[in-house]
Amino acid sequence: MNVHHLELFYYVAKFEGITEAVRRMPYGIQQPAVSGQILQLEKFLEVRLFHRRPFALTPAGEELYDFIYPFFSRLEQITDQLRGEENQHLRLAASAAALTHHFPELLHKLRSEIPTLRLTLRELTHGEIETALRKQEADIAIAILNRKFSPGIKSVKLIDIPLAITVPEDSPVKTFRDISAKASGGEILHPLISLPKIEPVAQLIQQGLTSKNLRWEPSMEITELNLIQRYVAKGFGFGVAVDIPGAPVEEGIRRIKLPSDFPPLSIGALHTGNPKRIAQRLLDLAADQATILKKKKGK
C-alpha cells in the first residue's frame, strides 16, 4: 500500500473533500493529481472510500480514516513538540457556560504549574466542537456527551448535571409536582421557554416528560440558556435550565428540581489521538474539579 496515497486520503477525509484538501494541505499539489492517486488507492483496496458529492465517507472510508488518523494527525504536533513549543500551547474549545463558570479557575491552576502557558480559547456550540477537533483547531473540548461522535473522537466523562425548570421568583410553584398537578389530559398548559428541539437539553427534558406521560410544548424557543432565564424573570413563562453545582441562581428566578428519573446532561472532555502533556494535565485538573462538583451536587 502506498503511504503517500494514505496521506492524501487522510487530508481529503479531514477537510471533507478534494478541493478543500488541496487548498489546506501543508504542501502544494494539484487537484487532478490528488484525484488520480485516491482512485489508485481505491483500486488497490477494491473499495470506494467516499462519496464525492455531497462528500461522505463510506463505512470502508471511516474504518481506514480511523486507522490512519492517530499517525497523520500527530505529525504537526510532534514537529512542534520537538521544537520545544507544543507543550506550552493549549487550544481549548468549550461552550460559553463552561468557559464562564469553571474554566477560569482550572486554567489559573494550570498556569500556576506552567508559567509559560500560552492559551487559545474558542467558544463554540456543541455542533461546532467536533469539527474543530477533527480539523485540529483544538486540543481539548468540553462538550455534551448525549450524542454519538464520529470515528477518531475520544470522550472522557466528567460529570452528570441534573436539569431543572426555572420559575419567576414570586411564582407560587415550589415543586415539579405543582407543575404536573395542573396538567390537563396529560398536557402542561403553562408557557414553556426552551432551547430549540435539536438541542440536547431540550431533548432530555422532553424524554423525561414522555416517561411520565406528560406533554409540554414550548411556547418560545431561545438559543441561549442564560437568555431563557431573563425571559423567565420577566414573567414570560417557565424555562428549561441546567442545575450546575456551584453556579449562582440568576436574579429574579428560582430553580425547580426535576424528579431523579429525568435524564441528566452528561458533560465530558473530547480529544483525538493521545493528548499531549499539557492537554492531559488539563484533563486531570478537570477530573478533579468534577469530583468537587459532584460533592457539591450531593449536598
Foldseek 3Di string as FASTA:
>chain_A
DDVVLLLLLLLCVLQQALVSSQVPPPDHDDSVVNVVSVVVVCVVVVHDQFDHVRTDGDPVVLVSNLVCVQPNVCPVVVVVVVVVHNLQEFEEEEAPVCVPPPVVVLVVVLCVVVVSHDYHYHHDAQVCVLSCQSNVVGAKYKHWPPDDHGRQKDKDWAAFWAKWKKAFPPDPDAAVCVQQVPADPQERDWAEEEAPCVDPQNVLVQVVSVVVSHHYDHPHHDHDQVVQVVVRLVPPTMYMGIDFQPDDDDPRMDIHGDPPPRGTTIIIMMHGHDRDPSVVVSRVSSNVVSVVRVVSVVD
